[in-house]
PDB file of N, CA and C in Angstrom:
ATOM      1  N   MET A   1      71.383 -90.990 -44.758  1.00  0.00           N
ATOM      2  CA  MET A   1      71.345 -90.196 -43.529  1.00  0.00           C
ATOM      3  C   MET A   1      71.428 -89.059 -43.313  1.00  0.00           C
ATOM      4  N   SER A   2      70.654 -88.535 -42.525  1.00  0.00           N
ATOM      5  CA  SER A   2      70.593 -86.811 -42.681  1.00  0.00           C
ATOM      6  C   SER A   2      71.987 -86.448 -41.975  1.00  0.00           C
ATOM      7  N   GLU A   3      72.248 -85.343 -42.547  1.00  0.00           N
ATOM      8  CA  GLU A   3      73.584 -84.234 -41.882  1.00  0.00           C
ATOM      9  C   GLU A   3      73.884 -84.599 -40.533  1.00  0.00           C
ATOM     10  N   CYS A   4      72.353 -84.021 -39.983  1.00  0.00           N
ATOM     11  CA  CYS A   4      72.746 -84.321 -38.316  1.00  0.00           C
ATOM     12  C   CYS A   4      72.823 -85.408 -37.495  1.00  0.00           C
ATOM     13  N   CYS A   5      72.675 -86.758 -38.662  1.00  0.00           N
ATOM     14  CA  CYS A   5      73.366 -87.905 -37.585  1.00  0.00           C
ATOM     15  C   CYS A   5      74.652 -88.443 -38.125  1.00  0.00           C
ATOM     16  N   LYS A   6      75.103 -87.778 -39.136  1.00  0.00           N
ATOM     17  CA  LYS A   6      76.696 -87.901 -39.370  1.00  0.00           C
ATOM     18  C   LYS A   6      77.705 -87.203 -37.951  1.00  0.00           C
ATOM     19  N   ARG A   7      77.168 -86.259 -37.440  1.00  0.00           N
ATOM     20  CA  ARG A   7      77.792 -85.114 -36.509  1.00  0.00           C
ATOM     21  C   ARG A   7      77.833 -86.150 -34.908  1.00  0.00           C
ATOM     22  N   THR A   8      78.941 -86.151 -33.844  1.00  0.00           N
ATOM     23  CA  THR A   8      79.155 -86.789 -32.883  1.00  0.00           C
ATOM     24  C   THR A   8      79.493 -85.436 -32.227  1.00  0.00           C
ATOM     25  N   LYS A   9      79.294 -86.002 -30.660  1.00  0.00           N
ATOM     26  CA  LYS A   9      80.158 -85.045 -29.494  1.00  0.00           C
ATOM     27  C   LYS A   9      80.873 -85.748 -28.620  1.00  0.00           C
ATOM     28  N   GLU A  10      82.116 -85.229 -28.410  1.00  0.00           N
ATOM     29  CA  GLU A  10      82.786 -85.863 -27.641  1.00  0.00           C
ATOM     30  C   GLU A  10      82.551 -86.026 -26.357  1.00  0.00           C
ATOM     31  N   ARG A  11      81.832 -86.333 -25.189  1.00  0.00           N
ATOM     32  CA  ARG A  11      81.782 -86.186 -23.622  1.00  0.00           C
ATOM     33  C   ARG A  11      82.704 -86.895 -22.919  1.00  0.00           C
ATOM     34  N   SER A  12      82.906 -86.288 -21.936  1.00  0.00           N
ATOM     35  CA  SER A  12      84.146 -86.943 -20.984  1.00  0.00           C
ATOM     36  C   SER A  12      83.294 -87.934 -20.405  1.00  0.00           C
ATOM     37  N   PRO A  13      83.484 -88.765 -19.510  1.00  0.00           N
ATOM     38  CA  PRO A  13      83.068 -89.780 -18.772  1.00  0.00           C
ATOM     39  C   PRO A  13      81.982 -88.905 -18.123  1.00  0.00           C
ATOM     40  N   GLU A  14      82.622 -88.758 -17.096  1.00  0.00           N
ATOM     41  CA  GLU A  14      81.489 -87.932 -16.269  1.00  0.00           C
ATOM     42  C   GLU A  14      80.193 -87.505 -16.794  1.00  0.00           C
ATOM     43  N   GLU A  15      80.358 -86.317 -17.584  1.00  0.00           N
ATOM     44  CA  GLU A  15      79.208 -86.008 -18.297  1.00  0.00           C
ATOM     45  C   GLU A  15      78.174 -87.425 -19.183  1.00  0.00           C
ATOM     46  N   MET A  16      78.912 -88.284 -19.711  1.00  0.00           N
ATOM     47  CA  MET A  16      78.036 -89.348 -20.146  1.00  0.00           C
ATOM     48  C   MET A  16      77.389 -90.139 -19.226  1.00  0.00           C
ATOM     49  N   ARG A  17      77.981 -90.151 -17.822  1.00  0.00           N
ATOM     50  CA  ARG A  17      77.496 -91.067 -16.890  1.00  0.00           C
ATOM     51  C   ARG A  17      76.440 -90.482 -15.951  1.00  0.00           C
ATOM     52  N   ALA A  18      76.592 -88.814 -16.139  1.00  0.00           N
ATOM     53  CA  ALA A  18      75.537 -88.001 -15.504  1.00  0.00           C
ATOM     54  C   ALA A  18      74.065 -87.938 -16.480  1.00  0.00           C
ATOM     55  N   LEU A  19      74.700 -87.803 -17.714  1.00  0.00           N
ATOM     56  CA  LEU A  19      73.200 -87.769 -18.519  1.00  0.00           C
ATOM     57  C   LEU A  19      72.459 -89.121 -18.610  1.00  0.00           C
ATOM     58  N   LEU A  20      73.374 -90.390 -18.594  1.00  0.00           N
ATOM     59  CA  LEU A  20      72.948 -91.672 -18.659  1.00  0.00           C
ATOM     60  C   LEU A  20      71.897 -91.791 -17.453  1.00  0.00           C
ATOM     61  N   ASN A  21      72.310 -91.447 -16.354  1.00  0.00           N
ATOM     62  CA  ASN A  21      72.040 -91.741 -14.917  1.00  0.00           C
ATOM     63  C   ASN A  21      70.465 -91.171 -15.229  1.00  0.00           C
ATOM     64  N   ARG A  22      70.376 -89.472 -15.462  1.00  0.00           N
ATOM     65  CA  ARG A  22      69.276 -88.984 -16.032  1.00  0.00           C
ATOM     66  C   ARG A  22      68.065 -89.710 -16.373  1.00  0.00           C
ATOM     67  N   LEU A  23      68.615 -90.212 -17.255  1.00  0.00           N
ATOM     68  CA  LEU A  23      67.681 -90.838 -18.428  1.00  0.00           C
ATOM     69  C   LEU A  23      66.712 -92.175 -17.783  1.00  0.00           C
ATOM     70  N   LYS A  24      67.835 -93.328 -16.948  1.00  0.00           N
ATOM     71  CA  LYS A  24      67.756 -94.228 -16.281  1.00  0.00           C
ATOM     72  C   LYS A  24      66.444 -93.720 -15.304  1.00  0.00           C
ATOM     73  N   ARG A  25      66.690 -92.564 -14.304  1.00  0.00           N
ATOM     74  CA  ARG A  25      65.475 -92.356 -13.633  1.00  0.00           C
ATOM     75  C   ARG A  25      64.380 -91.978 -14.179  1.00  0.00           C
ATOM     76  N   ILE A  26      64.250 -91.528 -15.484  1.00  0.00           N
ATOM     77  CA  ILE A  26      63.206 -91.236 -15.833  1.00  0.00           C
ATOM     78  C   ILE A  26      62.629 -92.355 -16.414  1.00  0.00           C
ATOM     79  N   GLU A  27      63.271 -93.557 -17.112  1.00  0.00           N
ATOM     80  CA  GLU A  27      62.656 -94.560 -17.857  1.00  0.00           C
ATOM     81  C   GLU A  27      61.887 -95.167 -16.320  1.00  0.00           C
ATOM     82  N   GLY A  28      62.993 -95.278 -15.390  1.00  0.00           N
ATOM     83  CA  GLY A  28      62.194 -96.086 -14.576  1.00  0.00           C
ATOM     84  C   GLY A  28      60.571 -95.087 -13.884  1.00  0.00           C
ATOM     85  N   GLN A  29      60.554 -93.913 -14.221  1.00  0.00           N
ATOM     86  CA  GLN A  29      58.914 -93.482 -13.479  1.00  0.00           C
ATOM     87  C   GLN A  29      58.155 -93.701 -15.117  1.00  0.00           C
ATOM     88  N   ILE A  30      58.889 -93.950 -16.449  1.00  0.00           N
ATOM     89  CA  ILE A  30      57.452 -94.003 -17.366  1.00  0.00           C
ATOM     90  C   ILE A  30      57.149 -95.757 -16.594  1.00  0.00           C
ATOM     91  N   ARG A  31      58.354 -96.507 -16.605  1.00  0.00           N
ATOM     92  CA  ARG A  31      58.094 -98.219 -15.850  1.00  0.00           C
ATOM     93  C   ARG A  31      56.503 -98.098 -14.446  1.00  0.00           C
ATOM     94  N   GLY A  32      56.970 -96.830 -13.780  1.00  0.00           N
ATOM     95  CA  GLY A  32      56.660 -96.770 -12.780  1.00  0.00           C
ATOM     96  C   GLY A  32      54.930 -96.040 -13.259  1.00  0.00           C
ATOM     97  N   ILE A  33      54.681 -95.272 -13.866  1.00  0.00           N
ATOM     98  CA  ILE A  33      53.585 -95.101 -14.576  1.00  0.00           C
ATOM     99  C   ILE A  33      53.150 -96.066 -15.432  1.00  0.00           C
ATOM    100  N   SER A  34      53.241 -97.133 -15.929  1.00  0.00           N
ATOM    101  CA  SER A  34      53.038 -98.159 -16.417  1.00  0.00           C
ATOM    102  C   SER A  34      52.299 -99.102 -15.597  1.00  0.00           C
ATOM    103  N   GLY A  35      53.307 -99.045 -14.551  1.00  0.00           N
ATOM    104  CA  GLY A  35      52.960-100.523 -13.781  1.00  0.00           C
ATOM    105  C   GLY A  35      51.458 -99.786 -12.719  1.00  0.00           C
ATOM    106  N   MET A  36      51.389 -98.662 -12.818  1.00  0.00           N
ATOM    107  CA  MET A  36      50.180 -97.457 -12.046  1.00  0.00           C
ATOM    108  C   MET A  36      48.942 -97.982 -13.091  1.00  0.00           C
ATOM    109  N   VAL A  37      49.468 -97.808 -14.238  1.00  0.00           N
ATOM    110  CA  VAL A  37      47.849 -98.083 -14.674  1.00  0.00           C
ATOM    111  C   VAL A  37      47.372 -99.681 -15.226  1.00  0.00           C
ATOM    112  N   GLU A  38      48.723-100.433 -15.240  1.00  0.00           N
ATOM    113  CA  GLU A  38      48.337-101.693 -15.049  1.00  0.00           C
ATOM    114  C   GLU A  38      47.404-102.209 -13.947  1.00  0.00           C
ATOM    115  N   ALA A  39      47.781-101.205 -12.671  1.00  0.00           N
ATOM    116  CA  ALA A  39      47.381-101.403 -11.193  1.00  0.00           C
ATOM    117  C   ALA A  39      45.991-100.371 -11.168  1.00  0.00           C
ATOM    118  N   SER A  40      45.465-100.072 -12.170  1.00  0.00           N
ATOM    119  CA  SER A  40      44.400 -99.474 -12.189  1.00  0.00           C
ATOM    120  C   SER A  40      43.972 -98.280 -11.260  1.00  0.00           C
ATOM    121  N   ALA A  41      45.036 -97.599 -11.237  1.00  0.00           N
ATOM    122  CA  ALA A  41      45.688 -96.388 -10.246  1.00  0.00           C
ATOM    123  C   ALA A  41      44.518 -95.559 -10.259  1.00  0.00           C
ATOM    124  N   TYR A  42      43.874 -94.544  -9.190  1.00  0.00           N
ATOM    125  CA  TYR A  42      43.300 -93.306  -9.496  1.00  0.00           C
ATOM    126  C   TYR A  42      44.248 -92.693 -10.173  1.00  0.00           C
ATOM    127  N   CYS A  43      43.372 -91.958 -11.372  1.00  0.00           N
ATOM    128  CA  CYS A  43      44.470 -91.186 -12.374  1.00  0.00           C
ATOM    129  C   CYS A  43      44.853 -89.879 -12.173  1.00  0.00           C
ATOM    130  N   PRO A  44      44.006 -88.815 -10.772  1.00  0.00           N
ATOM    131  CA  PRO A  44      45.376 -87.831 -10.604  1.00  0.00           C
ATOM    132  C   PRO A  44      46.437 -88.744 -10.118  1.00  0.00           C
ATOM    133  N   ASP A  45      46.385 -89.518  -9.862  1.00  0.00           N
ATOM    134  CA  ASP A  45      47.667 -90.376  -9.057  1.00  0.00           C
ATOM    135  C   ASP A  45      48.888 -90.318 -10.421  1.00  0.00           C
ATOM    136  N   ILE A  46      48.283 -91.181 -11.352  1.00  0.00           N
ATOM    137  CA  ILE A  46      49.077 -91.335 -12.217  1.00  0.00           C
ATOM    138  C   ILE A  46      49.286 -90.011 -13.168  1.00  0.00           C
ATOM    139  N   LEU A  47      48.327 -88.795 -13.412  1.00  0.00           N
ATOM    140  CA  LEU A  47      48.849 -87.671 -14.036  1.00  0.00           C
ATOM    141  C   LEU A  47      50.089 -87.200 -13.087  1.00  0.00           C
ATOM    142  N   ASN A  48      49.730 -86.721 -11.745  1.00  0.00           N
ATOM    143  CA  ASN A  48      51.061 -86.501 -11.357  1.00  0.00           C
ATOM    144  C   ASN A  48      52.321 -86.662 -11.351  1.00  0.00           C
ATOM    145  N   GLN A  49      52.277 -88.502 -11.371  1.00  0.00           N
ATOM    146  CA  GLN A  49      53.230 -89.054 -12.116  1.00  0.00           C
ATOM    147  C   GLN A  49      54.091 -88.656 -13.213  1.00  0.00           C
ATOM    148  N   VAL A  50      52.572 -88.778 -14.100  1.00  0.00           N
ATOM    149  CA  VAL A  50      52.966 -87.917 -15.740  1.00  0.00           C
ATOM    150  C   VAL A  50      53.664 -86.574 -15.880  1.00  0.00           C
ATOM    151  N   ALA A  51      53.450 -85.809 -14.664  1.00  0.00           N
ATOM    152  CA  ALA A  51      53.740 -84.812 -14.265  1.00  0.00           C
ATOM    153  C   ALA A  51      55.163 -84.734 -14.206  1.00  0.00           C
ATOM    154  N   ALA A  52      55.233 -85.258 -13.144  1.00  0.00           N
ATOM    155  CA  ALA A  52      56.855 -85.571 -12.934  1.00  0.00           C
ATOM    156  C   ALA A  52      57.814 -85.920 -14.114  1.00  0.00           C
ATOM    157  N   ALA A  53      57.573 -87.056 -14.602  1.00  0.00           N
ATOM    158  CA  ALA A  53      58.240 -87.395 -15.611  1.00  0.00           C
ATOM    159  C   ALA A  53      58.465 -86.597 -16.564  1.00  0.00           C
ATOM    160  N   GLU A  54      57.460 -85.340 -16.530  1.00  0.00           N
ATOM    161  CA  GLU A  54      57.937 -84.713 -17.638  1.00  0.00           C
ATOM    162  C   GLU A  54      58.846 -83.572 -17.528  1.00  0.00           C
ATOM    163  N   SER A  55      58.357 -83.394 -16.087  1.00  0.00           N
ATOM    164  CA  SER A  55      59.734 -82.024 -15.442  1.00  0.00           C
ATOM    165  C   SER A  55      60.547 -83.052 -15.706  1.00  0.00           C
ATOM    166  N   ALA A  56      60.899 -83.992 -15.123  1.00  0.00           N
ATOM    167  CA  ALA A  56      62.181 -84.460 -15.279  1.00  0.00           C
ATOM    168  C   ALA A  56      63.051 -84.541 -16.751  1.00  0.00           C
ATOM    169  N   LEU A  57      62.143 -84.995 -17.865  1.00  0.00           N
ATOM    170  CA  LEU A  57      62.673 -85.171 -19.259  1.00  0.00           C
ATOM    171  C   LEU A  57      62.976 -83.355 -19.875  1.00  0.00           C
ATOM    172  N   ALA A  58      62.257 -82.311 -19.089  1.00  0.00           N
ATOM    173  CA  ALA A  58      62.336 -81.138 -19.410  1.00  0.00           C
ATOM    174  C   ALA A  58      63.643 -80.802 -19.122  1.00  0.00           C
ATOM    175  N   ALA A  59      64.137 -81.100 -17.851  1.00  0.00           N
ATOM    176  CA  ALA A  59      65.148 -80.757 -16.824  1.00  0.00           C
ATOM    177  C   ALA A  59      66.248 -81.338 -18.070  1.00  0.00           C
ATOM    178  N   PHE A  60      66.308 -82.530 -18.517  1.00  0.00           N
ATOM    179  CA  PHE A  60      67.233 -83.448 -18.919  1.00  0.00           C
ATOM    180  C   PHE A  60      68.078 -82.464 -19.885  1.00  0.00           C
ATOM    181  N   ALA A  61      66.617 -82.039 -20.607  1.00  0.00           N
ATOM    182  CA  ALA A  61      66.637 -81.241 -22.120  1.00  0.00           C
ATOM    183  C   ALA A  61      67.506 -80.319 -21.760  1.00  0.00           C
ATOM    184  N   ARG A  62      66.815 -79.311 -20.717  1.00  0.00           N
ATOM    185  CA  ARG A  62      67.809 -77.860 -20.435  1.00  0.00           C
ATOM    186  C   ARG A  62      69.212 -77.887 -20.372  1.00  0.00           C
ATOM    187  N   GLU A  63      69.363 -79.156 -19.553  1.00  0.00           N
ATOM    188  CA  GLU A  63      70.947 -79.406 -19.390  1.00  0.00           C
ATOM    189  C   GLU A  63      71.704 -79.656 -20.691  1.00  0.00           C
ATOM    190  N   LEU A  64      70.937 -80.581 -21.324  1.00  0.00           N
ATOM    191  CA  LEU A  64      71.791 -81.351 -22.393  1.00  0.00           C
ATOM    192  C   LEU A  64      71.819 -79.930 -23.577  1.00  0.00           C
ATOM    193  N   LEU A  65      70.685 -78.897 -23.609  1.00  0.00           N
ATOM    194  CA  LEU A  65      70.825 -77.763 -24.445  1.00  0.00           C
ATOM    195  C   LEU A  65      72.097 -76.716 -23.821  1.00  0.00           C
ATOM    196  N   SER A  66      72.138 -76.793 -22.960  1.00  0.00           N
ATOM    197  CA  SER A  66      72.886 -76.109 -22.243  1.00  0.00           C
ATOM    198  C   SER A  66      74.194 -76.156 -22.329  1.00  0.00           C
ATOM    199  N   SER A  67      74.861 -77.326 -22.361  1.00  0.00           N
ATOM    200  CA  SER A  67      75.863 -78.533 -22.782  1.00  0.00           C
ATOM    201  C   SER A  67      76.052 -77.736 -24.469  1.00  0.00           C
ATOM    202  N   HIS A  68      75.177 -78.300 -24.885  1.00  0.00           N
ATOM    203  CA  HIS A  68      75.181 -77.819 -26.438  1.00  0.00           C
ATOM    204  C   HIS A  68      75.577 -76.438 -27.034  1.00  0.00           C
ATOM    205  N   ILE A  69      74.951 -75.505 -26.672  1.00  0.00           N
ATOM    206  CA  ILE A  69      75.009 -74.215 -26.371  1.00  0.00           C
ATOM    207  C   ILE A  69      76.662 -73.683 -26.152  1.00  0.00           C
ATOM    208  N   LYS A  70      77.305 -74.232 -25.137  1.00  0.00           N
ATOM    209  CA  LYS A  70      78.501 -73.700 -24.272  1.00  0.00           C
ATOM    210  C   LYS A  70      79.425 -74.491 -25.005  1.00  0.00           C
ATOM    211  N   THR A  71      79.137 -75.565 -25.567  1.00  0.00           N
ATOM    212  CA  THR A  71      80.455 -75.924 -26.066  1.00  0.00           C
ATOM    213  C   THR A  71      80.263 -76.454 -27.936  1.00  0.00           C
ATOM    214  N   CYS A  72      79.294 -76.833 -28.720  1.00  0.00           N
ATOM    215  CA  CYS A  72      78.975 -77.314 -29.738  1.00  0.00           C
ATOM    216  C   CYS A  72      78.616 -75.740 -30.395  1.00  0.00           C
ATOM    217  N   VAL A  73      77.723 -75.318 -30.364  1.00  0.00           N
ATOM    218  CA  VAL A  73      77.365 -73.556 -30.584  1.00  0.00           C
ATOM    219  C   VAL A  73      78.793 -72.822 -30.727  1.00  0.00           C
ATOM    220  N   ALA A  74      79.452 -72.362 -29.389  1.00  0.00           N
ATOM    221  CA  ALA A  74      80.027 -71.595 -29.158  1.00  0.00           C
ATOM    222  C   ALA A  74      81.300 -71.599 -30.391  1.00  0.00           C
ATOM    223  N   SER A  75      81.914 -73.229 -30.042  1.00  0.00           N
ATOM    224  CA  SER A  75      82.729 -74.018 -30.790  1.00  0.00           C
ATOM    225  C   SER A  75      82.600 -73.241 -32.400  1.00  0.00           C
ATOM    226  N   ASP A  76      81.358 -73.857 -32.583  1.00  0.00           N
ATOM    227  CA  ASP A  76      81.399 -73.605 -34.567  1.00  0.00           C
ATOM    228  C   ASP A  76      81.195 -72.114 -34.612  1.00  0.00           C
ATOM    229  N   VAL A  77      80.295 -70.940 -33.963  1.00  0.00           N
ATOM    230  CA  VAL A  77      80.682 -69.867 -34.235  1.00  0.00           C
ATOM    231  C   VAL A  77      81.920 -69.169 -34.020  1.00  0.00           C
ATOM    232  N   ARG A  78      82.656 -69.343 -33.005  1.00  0.00           N
ATOM    233  CA  ARG A  78      84.415 -69.020 -33.289  1.00  0.00           C
ATOM    234  C   ARG A  78      85.138 -69.285 -34.505  1.00  0.00           C
ATOM    235  N   GLU A  79      84.692 -70.848 -35.071  1.00  0.00           N
ATOM    236  CA  GLU A  79      85.213 -70.684 -35.999  1.00  0.00           C
ATOM    237  C   GLU A  79      84.654 -70.349 -37.320  1.00  0.00           C
ATOM    238  N   GLY A  80      83.296 -69.567 -37.308  1.00  0.00           N
ATOM    239  CA  GLY A  80      82.838 -68.721 -38.404  1.00  0.00           C
ATOM    240  C   GLY A  80      81.677 -69.218 -39.191  1.00  0.00           C
ATOM    241  N   ARG A  81      81.617 -70.642 -38.634  1.00  0.00           N
ATOM    242  CA  ARG A  81      80.344 -71.626 -38.593  1.00  0.00           C
ATOM    243  C   ARG A  81      78.866 -70.948 -38.597  1.00  0.00           C
ATOM    244  N   GLU A  82      78.416 -69.903 -38.991  1.00  0.00           N
ATOM    245  CA  GLU A  82      77.489 -69.299 -38.261  1.00  0.00           C
ATOM    246  C   GLU A  82      76.070 -70.284 -38.592  1.00  0.00           C
ATOM    247  N   GLU A  83      76.174 -70.752 -39.581  1.00  0.00           N
ATOM    248  CA  GLU A  83      75.279 -71.976 -39.435  1.00  0.00           C
ATOM    249  C   GLU A  83      74.387 -72.861 -38.591  1.00  0.00           C
ATOM    250  N   ALA A  84      75.481 -72.732 -37.469  1.00  0.00           N
ATOM    251  CA  ALA A  84      75.215 -73.299 -36.084  1.00  0.00           C
ATOM    252  C   ALA A  84      74.269 -72.214 -34.801  1.00  0.00           C
ATOM    253  N   LEU A  85      73.926 -71.112 -35.304  1.00  0.00           N
ATOM    254  CA  LEU A  85      72.997 -70.507 -34.749  1.00  0.00           C
ATOM    255  C   LEU A  85      71.602 -70.639 -35.692  1.00  0.00           C
ATOM    256  N   ASP A  86      71.317 -70.799 -36.882  1.00  0.00           N
ATOM    257  CA  ASP A  86      70.204 -71.434 -37.569  1.00  0.00           C
ATOM    258  C   ASP A  86      70.189 -72.813 -36.992  1.00  0.00           C
ATOM    259  N   GLU A  87      70.814 -73.454 -36.590  1.00  0.00           N
ATOM    260  CA  GLU A  87      70.553 -75.408 -36.138  1.00  0.00           C
ATOM    261  C   GLU A  87      69.962 -74.656 -34.852  1.00  0.00           C
ATOM    262  N   LEU A  88      70.655 -73.846 -33.900  1.00  0.00           N
ATOM    263  CA  LEU A  88      69.982 -73.577 -32.556  1.00  0.00           C
ATOM    264  C   LEU A  88      69.058 -72.985 -32.304  1.00  0.00           C
ATOM    265  N   ILE A  89      68.538 -72.194 -33.446  1.00  0.00           N
ATOM    266  CA  ILE A  89      67.445 -71.400 -33.260  1.00  0.00           C
ATOM    267  C   ILE A  89      65.983 -72.860 -33.588  1.00  0.00           C
ATOM    268  N   GLN A  90      66.176 -73.560 -34.972  1.00  0.00           N
ATOM    269  CA  GLN A  90      65.447 -74.677 -35.123  1.00  0.00           C
ATOM    270  C   GLN A  90      65.059 -75.624 -34.053  1.00  0.00           C
ATOM    271  N   THR A  91      66.592 -75.716 -33.279  1.00  0.00           N
ATOM    272  CA  THR A  91      66.145 -76.700 -32.165  1.00  0.00           C
ATOM    273  C   THR A  91      65.313 -76.014 -30.983  1.00  0.00           C
ATOM    274  N   LEU A  92      65.876 -74.701 -30.325  1.00  0.00           N
ATOM    275  CA  LEU A  92      65.097 -74.047 -29.675  1.00  0.00           C
ATOM    276  C   LEU A  92      63.802 -73.969 -29.838  1.00  0.00           C
ATOM    277  N   GLY A  93      62.906 -73.880 -31.219  1.00  0.00           N
ATOM    278  CA  GLY A  93      61.788 -73.934 -31.776  1.00  0.00           C
ATOM    279  C   GLY A  93      60.991 -75.004 -31.602  1.00  0.00           C
ATOM    280  N   ARG A  94      61.209 -76.151 -31.728  1.00  0.00           N
ATOM    281  CA  ARG A  94      60.970 -77.333 -30.564  1.00  0.00           C
ATOM    282  C   ARG A  94      60.252 -77.530 -29.473  1.00  0.00           C
ATOM    283  N   PHE A  95      60.877 -76.490 -28.553  1.00  0.00           N
ATOM    284  CA  PHE A  95      60.958 -76.563 -27.331  1.00  0.00           C
ATOM    285  C   PHE A  95      59.950 -75.438 -26.516  1.00  0.00           C
ATOM    286  N   LEU A  96      59.758 -74.628 -27.835  1.00  0.00           N
ATOM    287  CA  LEU A  96      58.950 -73.349 -27.102  1.00  0.00           C
ATOM    288  C   LEU A  96      57.398 -73.492 -28.279  1.00  0.00           C
TER     289      LEU A  96
END
């Protein structure tokens, strides 16, 4: 198992619920897109829904990244674990 898979994060029940609710909405959007394809919907209509799903997923990622920086990264840096910054830079590189 890689090192990243060994780490976990404690989340409050509220944070967990909010994240999972967002993901469930995104999952519903994806199922809706699938249904549109099966129904032979007009391509631009499908693409509009794809753009909405991508936007929702990007918003989820921004929220998760913000929380990660404010909690995990800040804590690691305060405790002298500067490698957390390298990990953050690599993570940000995947989004840019």
